[in-house]
PDB file of N, CA and C in Angstrom:
ATOM      1  N   MET A   1     158.486  48.094  78.209  1.00  0.00           N
ATOM      2  CA  MET A   1     158.496  47.650  79.585  1.00  0.00           C
ATOM      3  C   MET A   1     157.052  47.544  80.068  1.00  0.00           C
ATOM      4  N   PHE A   2     156.749  46.438  80.727  1.00  0.00           N
ATOM      5  CA  PHE A   2     155.423  46.266  81.302  1.00  0.00           C
ATOM      6  C   PHE A   2     155.543  45.551  82.638  1.00  0.00           C
ATOM      7  N   ALA A   3     154.457  45.589  83.391  1.00  0.00           N
ATOM      8  CA  ALA A   3     154.405  44.929  84.698  1.00  0.00           C
ATOM      9  C   ALA A   3     153.011  44.335  84.874  1.00  0.00           C
ATOM     10  N   ILE A   4     152.943  43.336  85.737  1.00  0.00           N
ATOM     11  CA  ILE A   4     151.658  42.759  86.117  1.00  0.00           C
ATOM     12  C   ILE A   4     151.446  43.088  87.584  1.00  0.00           C
ATOM     13  N   ILE A   5     150.359  43.834  87.860  1.00  0.00           N
ATOM     14  CA  ILE A   5     150.069  44.267  89.225  1.00  0.00           C
ATOM     15  C   ILE A   5     148.817  43.564  89.722  1.00  0.00           C
ATOM     16  N   GLN A   6     148.678  43.547  91.040  1.00  0.00           N
ATOM     17  CA  GLN A   6     147.485  42.973  91.666  1.00  0.00           C
ATOM     18  C   GLN A   6     146.829  44.049  92.511  1.00  0.00           C
ATOM     19  N   THR A   7     145.538  44.277  92.258  1.00  0.00           N
ATOM     20  CA  THR A   7     144.766  45.218  93.051  1.00  0.00           C
ATOM     21  C   THR A   7     143.296  44.833  92.973  1.00  0.00           C
ATOM     22  N   GLY A   8     142.606  44.945  94.071  1.00  0.00           N
ATOM     23  CA  GLY A   8     141.181  44.633  94.106  1.00  0.00           C
ATOM     24  C   GLY A   8     140.880  43.174  93.827  1.00  0.00           C
ATOM     25  N   GLY A   9     141.820  42.273  94.127  1.00  0.00           N
ATOM     26  CA  GLY A   9     141.604  40.856  93.896  1.00  0.00           C
ATOM     27  C   GLY A   9     141.778  40.439  92.451  1.00  0.00           C
ATOM     28  N   LYS A  10     142.228  41.350  91.590  1.00  0.00           N
ATOM     29  CA  LYS A  10     142.429  41.042  90.179  1.00  0.00           C
ATOM     30  C   LYS A  10     143.845  41.404  89.765  1.00  0.00           C
ATOM     31  N   GLN A  11     144.266  40.883  88.618  1.00  0.00           N
ATOM     32  CA  GLN A  11     145.594  41.147  88.092  1.00  0.00           C
ATOM     33  C   GLN A  11     145.473  41.889  86.770  1.00  0.00           C
ATOM     34  N   TYR A  12     146.352  42.872  86.567  1.00  0.00           N
ATOM     35  CA  TYR A  12     146.314  43.705  85.376  1.00  0.00           C
ATOM     36  C   TYR A  12     147.713  43.813  84.785  1.00  0.00           C
ATOM     37  N   LYS A  13     147.803  43.738  83.453  1.00  0.00           N
ATOM     38  CA  LYS A  13     149.052  43.974  82.748  1.00  0.00           C
ATOM     39  C   LYS A  13     149.068  45.444  82.365  1.00  0.00           C
ATOM     40  N   VAL A  14     150.081  46.192  82.842  1.00  0.00           N
ATOM     41  CA  VAL A  14     150.127  47.638  82.630  1.00  0.00           C
ATOM     42  C   VAL A  14     151.458  48.045  82.019  1.00  0.00           C
ATOM     43  N   ALA A  15     151.432  49.144  81.280  1.00  0.00           N
ATOM     44  CA  ALA A  15     152.627  49.751  80.707  1.00  0.00           C
ATOM     45  C   ALA A  15     152.533  51.261  80.931  1.00  0.00           C
ATOM     46  N   VAL A  16     153.657  51.957  80.798  1.00  0.00           N
ATOM     47  CA  VAL A  16     153.684  53.398  81.028  1.00  0.00           C
ATOM     48  C   VAL A  16     152.831  54.094  79.970  1.00  0.00           C
ATOM     49  N   GLY A  17     151.983  55.034  80.411  1.00  0.00           N
ATOM     50  CA  GLY A  17     151.108  55.773  79.517  1.00  0.00           C
ATOM     51  C   GLY A  17     149.756  55.118  79.297  1.00  0.00           C
ATOM     52  N   GLN A  18     149.564  53.916  79.799  1.00  0.00           N
ATOM     53  CA  GLN A  18     148.314  53.177  79.600  1.00  0.00           C
ATOM     54  C   GLN A  18     147.262  53.639  80.604  1.00  0.00           C
ATOM     55  N   LYS A  19     145.991  53.662  80.165  1.00  0.00           N
ATOM     56  CA  LYS A  19     144.867  53.970  81.052  1.00  0.00           C
ATOM     57  C   LYS A  19     144.156  52.666  81.372  1.00  0.00           C
ATOM     58  N   VAL A  20     143.954  52.407  82.671  1.00  0.00           N
ATOM     59  CA  VAL A  20     143.385  51.146  83.126  1.00  0.00           C
ATOM     60  C   VAL A  20     142.190  51.431  84.019  1.00  0.00           C
ATOM     61  N   LYS A  21     141.094  50.685  83.810  1.00  0.00           N
ATOM     62  CA  LYS A  21     139.935  50.764  84.700  1.00  0.00           C
ATOM     63  C   LYS A  21     140.038  49.612  85.685  1.00  0.00           C
ATOM     64  N   ILE A  22     140.232  49.953  86.974  1.00  0.00           N
ATOM     65  CA  ILE A  22     140.416  48.941  88.008  1.00  0.00           C
ATOM     66  C   ILE A  22     139.262  49.027  89.002  1.00  0.00           C
ATOM     67  N   GLU A  23     139.258  48.100  89.951  1.00  0.00           N
ATOM     68  CA  GLU A  23     138.248  48.129  91.007  1.00  0.00           C
ATOM     69  C   GLU A  23     138.339  49.454  91.766  1.00  0.00           C
ATOM     70  N   LYS A  24     137.218  49.924  92.276  1.00  0.00           N
ATOM     71  CA  LYS A  24     137.130  51.244  92.891  1.00  0.00           C
ATOM     72  C   LYS A  24     138.100  51.401  94.060  1.00  0.00           C
ATOM     73  N   LEU A  25     138.844  52.513  94.036  1.00  0.00           N
ATOM     74  CA  LEU A  25     139.732  52.901  95.121  1.00  0.00           C
ATOM     75  C   LEU A  25     139.169  54.153  95.778  1.00  0.00           C
ATOM     76  N   THR A  26     139.430  54.316  97.072  1.00  0.00           N
ATOM     77  CA  THR A  26     138.953  55.501  97.785  1.00  0.00           C
ATOM     78  C   THR A  26     140.016  56.587  97.699  1.00  0.00           C
ATOM     79  N   VAL A  27     140.208  57.126  96.490  1.00  0.00           N
ATOM     80  CA  VAL A  27     141.190  58.166  96.218  1.00  0.00           C
ATOM     81  C   VAL A  27     140.497  59.227  95.371  1.00  0.00           C
ATOM     82  N   ALA A  28     140.813  60.511  95.638  1.00  0.00           N
ATOM     83  CA  ALA A  28     140.186  61.598  94.894  1.00  0.00           C
ATOM     84  C   ALA A  28     140.786  61.718  93.496  1.00  0.00           C
ATOM     85  N   ASP A  29     140.035  62.344  92.601  1.00  0.00           N
ATOM     86  CA  ASP A  29     140.519  62.559  91.240  1.00  0.00           C
ATOM     87  C   ASP A  29     141.770  63.434  91.251  1.00  0.00           C
ATOM     88  N   GLY A  30     142.753  63.074  90.421  1.00  0.00           N
ATOM     89  CA  GLY A  30     143.990  63.837  90.321  1.00  0.00           C
ATOM     90  C   GLY A  30     145.066  63.421  91.298  1.00  0.00           C
ATOM     91  N   ASP A  31     144.741  62.608  92.287  1.00  0.00           N
ATOM     92  CA  ASP A  31     145.735  62.158  93.264  1.00  0.00           C
ATOM     93  C   ASP A  31     146.609  61.053  92.684  1.00  0.00           C
ATOM     94  N   ALA A  32     147.770  60.873  93.301  1.00  0.00           N
ATOM     95  CA  ALA A  32     148.682  59.806  92.899  1.00  0.00           C
ATOM     96  C   ALA A  32     148.356  58.541  93.687  1.00  0.00           C
ATOM     97  N   VAL A  33     148.587  57.397  93.065  1.00  0.00           N
ATOM     98  CA  VAL A  33     148.369  56.111  93.716  1.00  0.00           C
ATOM     99  C   VAL A  33     149.572  55.229  93.408  1.00  0.00           C
ATOM    100  N   ILE A  34     150.006  54.448  94.395  1.00  0.00           N
ATOM    101  CA  ILE A  34     151.174  53.580  94.235  1.00  0.00           C
ATOM    102  C   ILE A  34     150.729  52.135  94.440  1.00  0.00           C
ATOM    103  N   PHE A  35     151.063  51.291  93.454  1.00  0.00           N
ATOM    104  CA  PHE A  35     150.794  49.862  93.545  1.00  0.00           C
ATOM    105  C   PHE A  35     152.095  49.173  93.911  1.00  0.00           C
ATOM    106  N   ASP A  36     152.101  48.450  95.042  1.00  0.00           N
ATOM    107  CA  ASP A  36     153.328  47.782  95.483  1.00  0.00           C
ATOM    108  C   ASP A  36     153.256  46.263  95.361  1.00  0.00           C
ATOM    109  N   LYS A  37     152.110  45.734  94.960  1.00  0.00           N
ATOM    110  CA  LYS A  37     151.982  44.287  94.750  1.00  0.00           C
ATOM    111  C   LYS A  37     152.262  43.987  93.278  1.00  0.00           C
ATOM    112  N   ILE A  38     153.547  43.866  92.944  1.00  0.00           N
ATOM    113  CA  ILE A  38     153.993  43.618  91.576  1.00  0.00           C
ATOM    114  C   ILE A  38     154.326  42.138  91.454  1.00  0.00           C
ATOM    115  N   LEU A  39     153.660  41.445  90.541  1.00  0.00           N
ATOM    116  CA  LEU A  39     153.874  40.015  90.345  1.00  0.00           C
ATOM    117  C   LEU A  39     154.987  39.743  89.338  1.00  0.00           C
ATOM    118  N   LEU A  40     155.112  40.608  88.318  1.00  0.00           N
ATOM    119  CA  LEU A  40     156.091  40.387  87.260  1.00  0.00           C
ATOM    120  C   LEU A  40     156.457  41.722  86.639  1.00  0.00           C
ATOM    121  N   MET A  41     157.754  41.869  86.302  1.00  0.00           N
ATOM    122  CA  MET A  41     158.219  43.029  85.549  1.00  0.00           C
ATOM    123  C   MET A  41     159.056  42.532  84.389  1.00  0.00           C
ATOM    124  N   ALA A  42     158.828  43.087  83.192  1.00  0.00           N
ATOM    125  CA  ALA A  42     159.580  42.677  82.018  1.00  0.00           C
ATOM    126  C   ALA A  42     160.048  43.910  81.267  1.00  0.00           C
ATOM    127  N   ASP A  43     161.346  43.904  80.901  1.00  0.00           N
ATOM    128  CA  ASP A  43     161.932  44.981  80.116  1.00  0.00           C
ATOM    129  C   ASP A  43     162.764  44.330  79.018  1.00  0.00           C
ATOM    130  N   GLY A  44     162.136  44.089  77.867  1.00  0.00           N
ATOM    131  CA  GLY A  44     162.826  43.390  76.787  1.00  0.00           C
ATOM    132  C   GLY A  44     163.042  41.927  77.148  1.00  0.00           C
ATOM    133  N   ASP A  45     164.298  41.489  77.189  1.00  0.00           N
ATOM    134  CA  ASP A  45     164.624  40.106  77.548  1.00  0.00           C
ATOM    135  C   ASP A  45     164.775  39.920  79.052  1.00  0.00           C
ATOM    136  N   LYS A  46     164.845  41.011  79.792  1.00  0.00           N
ATOM    137  CA  LYS A  46     165.032  40.938  81.251  1.00  0.00           C
ATOM    138  C   LYS A  46     163.668  40.795  81.929  1.00  0.00           C
ATOM    139  N   VAL A  47     163.414  39.646  82.531  1.00  0.00           N
ATOM    140  CA  VAL A  47     162.133  39.365  83.182  1.00  0.00           C
ATOM    141  C   VAL A  47     162.388  39.032  84.643  1.00  0.00           C
ATOM    142  N   GLN A  48     161.642  39.694  85.529  1.00  0.00           N
ATOM    143  CA  GLN A  48     161.728  39.417  86.967  1.00  0.00           C
ATOM    144  C   GLN A  48     160.370  38.899  87.425  1.00  0.00           C
ATOM    145  N   ILE A  49     160.395  37.767  88.128  1.00  0.00           N
ATOM    146  CA  ILE A  49     159.166  37.152  88.615  1.00  0.00           C
ATOM    147  C   ILE A  49     159.211  37.127  90.131  1.00  0.00           C
ATOM    148  N   GLY A  50     158.145  37.620  90.774  1.00  0.00           N
ATOM    149  CA  GLY A  50     158.080  37.644  92.221  1.00  0.00           C
ATOM    150  C   GLY A  50     157.535  36.346  92.782  1.00  0.00           C
ATOM    151  N   GLN A  51     157.852  36.120  94.067  1.00  0.00           N
ATOM    152  CA  GLN A  51     157.382  34.901  94.721  1.00  0.00           C
ATOM    153  C   GLN A  51     156.809  35.239  96.083  1.00  0.00           C
ATOM    154  N   PRO A  52     155.615  35.722  96.257  1.00  0.00           N
ATOM    155  CA  PRO A  52     154.659  36.040  95.202  1.00  0.00           C
ATOM    156  C   PRO A  52     154.839  37.443  94.626  1.00  0.00           C
ATOM    157  N   TYR A  53     155.470  38.365  95.380  1.00  0.00           N
ATOM    158  CA  TYR A  53     155.621  39.738  94.891  1.00  0.00           C
ATOM    159  C   TYR A  53     157.095  40.094  94.786  1.00  0.00           C
ATOM    160  N   LEU A  54     157.397  41.084  93.931  1.00  0.00           N
ATOM    161  CA  LEU A  54     158.752  41.604  93.810  1.00  0.00           C
ATOM    162  C   LEU A  54     158.988  42.606  94.934  1.00  0.00           C
ATOM    163  N   SER A  55     160.110  42.478  95.620  1.00  0.00           N
ATOM    164  CA  SER A  55     160.415  43.417  96.700  1.00  0.00           C
ATOM    165  C   SER A  55     161.117  44.641  96.107  1.00  0.00           C
ATOM    166  N   GLY A  56     160.699  45.809  96.531  1.00  0.00           N
ATOM    167  CA  GLY A  56     161.306  47.052  96.068  1.00  0.00           C
ATOM    168  C   GLY A  56     160.735  47.577  94.763  1.00  0.00           C
ATOM    169  N   ALA A  57     159.883  46.849  94.106  1.00  0.00           N
ATOM    170  CA  ALA A  57     159.290  47.306  92.845  1.00  0.00           C
ATOM    171  C   ALA A  57     157.974  48.016  93.131  1.00  0.00           C
ATOM    172  N   LYS A  58     157.677  49.021  92.321  1.00  0.00           N
ATOM    173  CA  LYS A  58     156.408  49.722  92.479  1.00  0.00           C
ATOM    174  C   LYS A  58     155.982  50.330  91.154  1.00  0.00           C
ATOM    175  N   VAL A  59     154.684  50.542  91.028  1.00  0.00           N
ATOM    176  CA  VAL A  59     154.097  51.177  89.853  1.00  0.00           C
ATOM    177  C   VAL A  59     153.331  52.394  90.349  1.00  0.00           C
ATOM    178  N   GLU A  60     153.626  53.541  89.753  1.00  0.00           N
ATOM    179  CA  GLU A  60     152.968  54.777  90.148  1.00  0.00           C
ATOM    180  C   GLU A  60     151.942  55.165  89.097  1.00  0.00           C
ATOM    181  N   GLY A  61     150.794  55.638  89.565  1.00  0.00           N
ATOM    182  CA  GLY A  61     149.732  56.040  88.654  1.00  0.00           C
ATOM    183  C   GLY A  61     149.046  57.299  89.139  1.00  0.00           C
ATOM    184  N   LYS A  62     148.240  57.877  88.266  1.00  0.00           N
ATOM    185  CA  LYS A  62     147.478  59.078  88.586  1.00  0.00           C
ATOM    186  C   LYS A  62     146.001  58.773  88.329  1.00  0.00           C
ATOM    187  N   VAL A  63     145.150  59.080  89.307  1.00  0.00           N
ATOM    188  CA  VAL A  63     143.721  58.814  89.183  1.00  0.00           C
ATOM    189  C   VAL A  63     143.109  59.855  88.251  1.00  0.00           C
ATOM    190  N   LEU A  64     142.466  59.375  87.187  1.00  0.00           N
ATOM    191  CA  LEU A  64     141.826  60.276  86.231  1.00  0.00           C
ATOM    192  C   LEU A  64     140.378  60.549  86.611  1.00  0.00           C
ATOM    193  N   LYS A  65     139.615  59.482  86.926  1.00  0.00           N
ATOM    194  CA  LYS A  65     138.212  59.691  87.295  1.00  0.00           C
ATOM    195  C   LYS A  65     137.667  58.460  88.003  1.00  0.00           C
ATOM    196  N   GLN A  66     136.576  58.676  88.716  1.00  0.00           N
ATOM    197  CA  GLN A  66     135.779  57.614  89.318  1.00  0.00           C
ATOM    198  C   GLN A  66     134.523  57.480  88.470  1.00  0.00           C
ATOM    199  N   GLY A  67     134.061  56.276  88.259  1.00  0.00           N
ATOM    200  CA  GLY A  67     132.874  56.119  87.430  1.00  0.00           C
ATOM    201  C   GLY A  67     132.195  54.792  87.661  1.00  0.00           C
ATOM    202  N   ARG A  68     131.218  54.503  86.797  1.00  0.00           N
ATOM    203  CA  ARG A  68     130.498  53.231  86.857  1.00  0.00           C
ATOM    204  C   ARG A  68     130.382  52.684  85.444  1.00  0.00           C
ATOM    205  N   HIS A  69     130.577  51.382  85.308  1.00  0.00           N
ATOM    206  CA  HIS A  69     130.481  50.718  84.015  1.00  0.00           C
ATOM    207  C   HIS A  69     129.044  50.740  83.504  1.00  0.00           C
ATOM    208  N   ASP A  70     128.856  50.287  82.262  1.00  0.00           N
ATOM    209  CA  ASP A  70     127.518  50.169  81.692  1.00  0.00           C
ATOM    210  C   ASP A  70     126.712  49.131  82.462  1.00  0.00           C
ATOM    211  N   LYS A  71     125.397  49.261  82.383  1.00  0.00           N
ATOM    212  CA  LYS A  71     124.522  48.355  83.109  1.00  0.00           C
ATOM    213  C   LYS A  71     124.566  46.956  82.506  1.00  0.00           C
ATOM    214  N   VAL A  72     124.640  45.961  83.388  1.00  0.00           N
ATOM    215  CA  VAL A  72     124.573  44.557  83.000  1.00  0.00           C
ATOM    216  C   VAL A  72     123.241  44.020  83.508  1.00  0.00           C
ATOM    217  N   ILE A  73     122.478  43.399  82.617  1.00  0.00           N
ATOM    218  CA  ILE A  73     121.177  42.843  82.979  1.00  0.00           C
ATOM    219  C   ILE A  73     121.341  41.370  83.340  1.00  0.00           C
ATOM    220  N   VAL A  74     120.834  40.994  84.514  1.00  0.00           N
ATOM    221  CA  VAL A  74     120.822  39.601  84.950  1.00  0.00           C
ATOM    222  C   VAL A  74     119.365  39.153  84.891  1.00  0.00           C
ATOM    223  N   PHE A  75     119.066  38.200  84.017  1.00  0.00           N
ATOM    224  CA  PHE A  75     117.690  37.746  83.831  1.00  0.00           C
ATOM    225  C   PHE A  75     117.626  36.244  84.043  1.00  0.00           C
ATOM    226  N   LYS A  76     116.832  35.821  85.019  1.00  0.00           N
ATOM    227  CA  LYS A  76     116.649  34.400  85.310  1.00  0.00           C
ATOM    228  C   LYS A  76     115.220  34.020  84.967  1.00  0.00           C
ATOM    229  N   TYR A  77     115.055  32.883  84.306  1.00  0.00           N
ATOM    230  CA  TYR A  77     113.732  32.482  83.837  1.00  0.00           C
ATOM    231  C   TYR A  77     113.585  30.971  83.947  1.00  0.00           C
ATOM    232  N   HIS A  78     112.469  30.530  84.509  1.00  0.00           N
ATOM    233  CA  HIS A  78     112.118  29.116  84.569  1.00  0.00           C
ATOM    234  C   HIS A  78     110.850  28.936  83.736  1.00  0.00           C
ATOM    235  N   SER A  79     110.932  28.144  82.680  1.00  0.00           N
ATOM    236  CA  SER A  79     109.859  28.108  81.693  1.00  0.00           C
ATOM    237  C   SER A  79     108.556  27.492  82.204  1.00  0.00           C
ATOM    238  N   LYS A  80     108.625  26.379  82.862  1.00  0.00           N
ATOM    239  CA  LYS A  80     107.394  25.675  83.199  1.00  0.00           C
ATOM    240  C   LYS A  80     106.677  26.257  84.422  1.00  0.00           C
ATOM    241  N   THR A  81     107.378  26.959  85.282  1.00  0.00           N
ATOM    242  CA  THR A  81     106.759  27.510  86.487  1.00  0.00           C
ATOM    243  C   THR A  81     106.427  28.992  86.356  1.00  0.00           C
ATOM    244  N   ARG A  82     106.725  29.592  85.218  1.00  0.00           N
ATOM    245  CA  ARG A  82     106.473  31.005  84.952  1.00  0.00           C
ATOM    246  C   ARG A  82     107.169  31.920  85.957  1.00  0.00           C
ATOM    247  N   GLN A  83     108.354  31.525  86.376  1.00  0.00           N
ATOM    248  CA  GLN A  83     109.133  32.371  87.269  1.00  0.00           C
ATOM    249  C   GLN A  83     110.114  33.173  86.433  1.00  0.00           C
ATOM    250  N   LYS A  84     110.212  34.460  86.734  1.00  0.00           N
ATOM    251  CA  LYS A  84     111.224  35.275  86.083  1.00  0.00           C
ATOM    252  C   LYS A  84     111.691  36.356  87.049  1.00  0.00           C
ATOM    253  N   LYS A  85     112.960  36.672  86.935  1.00  0.00           N
ATOM    254  CA  LYS A  85     113.563  37.660  87.809  1.00  0.00           C
ATOM    255  C   LYS A  85     114.524  38.504  86.984  1.00  0.00           C
ATOM    256  N   LYS A  86     114.362  39.819  86.996  1.00  0.00           N
ATOM    257  CA  LYS A  86     115.217  40.722  86.232  1.00  0.00           C
ATOM    258  C   LYS A  86     115.916  41.659  87.204  1.00  0.00           C
ATOM    259  N   LYS A  87     117.231  41.773  87.050  1.00  0.00           N
ATOM    260  CA  LYS A  87     118.023  42.588  87.954  1.00  0.00           C
ATOM    261  C   LYS A  87     119.127  43.272  87.160  1.00  0.00           C
ATOM    262  N   GLY A  88     119.424  44.508  87.479  1.00  0.00           N
ATOM    263  CA  GLY A  88     120.495  45.250  86.821  1.00  0.00           C
ATOM    264  C   GLY A  88     121.623  45.542  87.798  1.00  0.00           C
ATOM    265  N   HIS A  89     122.830  45.731  87.235  1.00  0.00           N
ATOM    266  CA  HIS A  89     123.999  45.999  88.079  1.00  0.00           C
ATOM    267  C   HIS A  89     124.968  46.905  87.343  1.00  0.00           C
ATOM    268  N   ARG A  90     125.501  47.905  88.033  1.00  0.00           N
ATOM    269  CA  ARG A  90     126.549  48.772  87.491  1.00  0.00           C
ATOM    270  C   ARG A  90     127.723  48.746  88.441  1.00  0.00           C
ATOM    271  N   GLN A  91     128.869  48.249  87.967  1.00  0.00           N
ATOM    272  CA  GLN A  91     130.061  48.088  88.798  1.00  0.00           C
ATOM    273  C   GLN A  91     130.848  49.402  88.837  1.00  0.00           C
ATOM    274  N   PRO A  92     131.182  49.910  90.030  1.00  0.00           N
ATOM    275  CA  PRO A  92     132.005  51.124  90.100  1.00  0.00           C
ATOM    276  C   PRO A  92     133.462  50.816  89.743  1.00  0.00           C
ATOM    277  N   PHE A  93     134.151  51.819  89.166  1.00  0.00           N
ATOM    278  CA  PHE A  93     135.547  51.644  88.797  1.00  0.00           C
ATOM    279  C   PHE A  93     136.319  52.931  89.041  1.00  0.00           C
ATOM    280  N   THR A  94     137.650  52.818  89.029  1.00  0.00           N
ATOM    281  CA  THR A  94     138.557  53.951  89.089  1.00  0.00           C
ATOM    282  C   THR A  94     139.444  53.875  87.860  1.00  0.00           C
ATOM    283  N   GLU A  95     139.509  54.952  87.083  1.00  0.00           N
ATOM    284  CA  GLU A  95     140.372  54.967  85.911  1.00  0.00           C
ATOM    285  C   GLU A  95     141.714  55.580  86.313  1.00  0.00           C
ATOM    286  N   VAL A  96     142.793  54.834  86.053  1.00  0.00           N
ATOM    287  CA  VAL A  96     144.131  55.225  86.468  1.00  0.00           C
ATOM    288  C   VAL A  96     145.033  55.257  85.236  1.00  0.00           C
ATOM    289  N   GLU A  97     145.860  56.316  85.135  1.00  0.00           N
ATOM    290  CA  GLU A  97     146.881  56.375  84.087  1.00  0.00           C
ATOM    291  C   GLU A  97     148.215  56.010  84.718  1.00  0.00           C
ATOM    292  N   ILE A  98     148.926  55.050  84.124  1.00  0.00           N
ATOM    293  CA  ILE A  98     150.211  54.584  84.644  1.00  0.00           C
ATOM    294  C   ILE A  98     151.277  55.605  84.263  1.00  0.00           C
ATOM    295  N   VAL A  99     151.978  56.109  85.280  1.00  0.00           N
ATOM    296  CA  VAL A  99     152.979  57.164  85.079  1.00  0.00           C
ATOM    297  C   VAL A  99     154.392  56.597  85.049  1.00  0.00           C
ATOM    298  N   LYS A 100     154.700  55.672  85.979  1.00  0.00           N
ATOM    299  CA  LYS A 100     156.084  55.213  86.119  1.00  0.00           C
ATOM    300  C   LYS A 100     156.118  53.789  86.652  1.00  0.00           C
ATOM    301  N   ILE A 101     157.042  52.997  86.118  1.00  0.00           N
ATOM    302  CA  ILE A 101     157.301  51.649  86.622  1.00  0.00           C
ATOM    303  C   ILE A 101     158.756  51.601  87.069  1.00  0.00           C
ATOM    304  N   SER A 102     158.963  51.269  88.343  1.00  0.00           N
ATOM    305  CA  SER A 102     160.341  51.227  88.854  1.00  0.00           C
ATOM    306  C   SER A 102     160.546  50.061  89.794  1.00  0.00           C
TER     307      SER A 102
END
């Protein structure tokens, strides 16, 4: 059984027991989080598609940790004018373990 959820402007395919790194949520470590924007649920041959969301469906998860991804270097260079710009970025994330899909 799996579901496709929407959070933080992105869509994620999740299953029970899976650990997912999503956009940062303002929730403390160890707390429960409920996703109610379910786009699709599939259990074997039984598939439910929302328009746009499924009513009454929810995915429950537990927050494992808050963190930041590895640094991404953004480097812009113009050869003939000797212009260069170097910038780094670390995106914050929340790691969530999926507990239940209902």
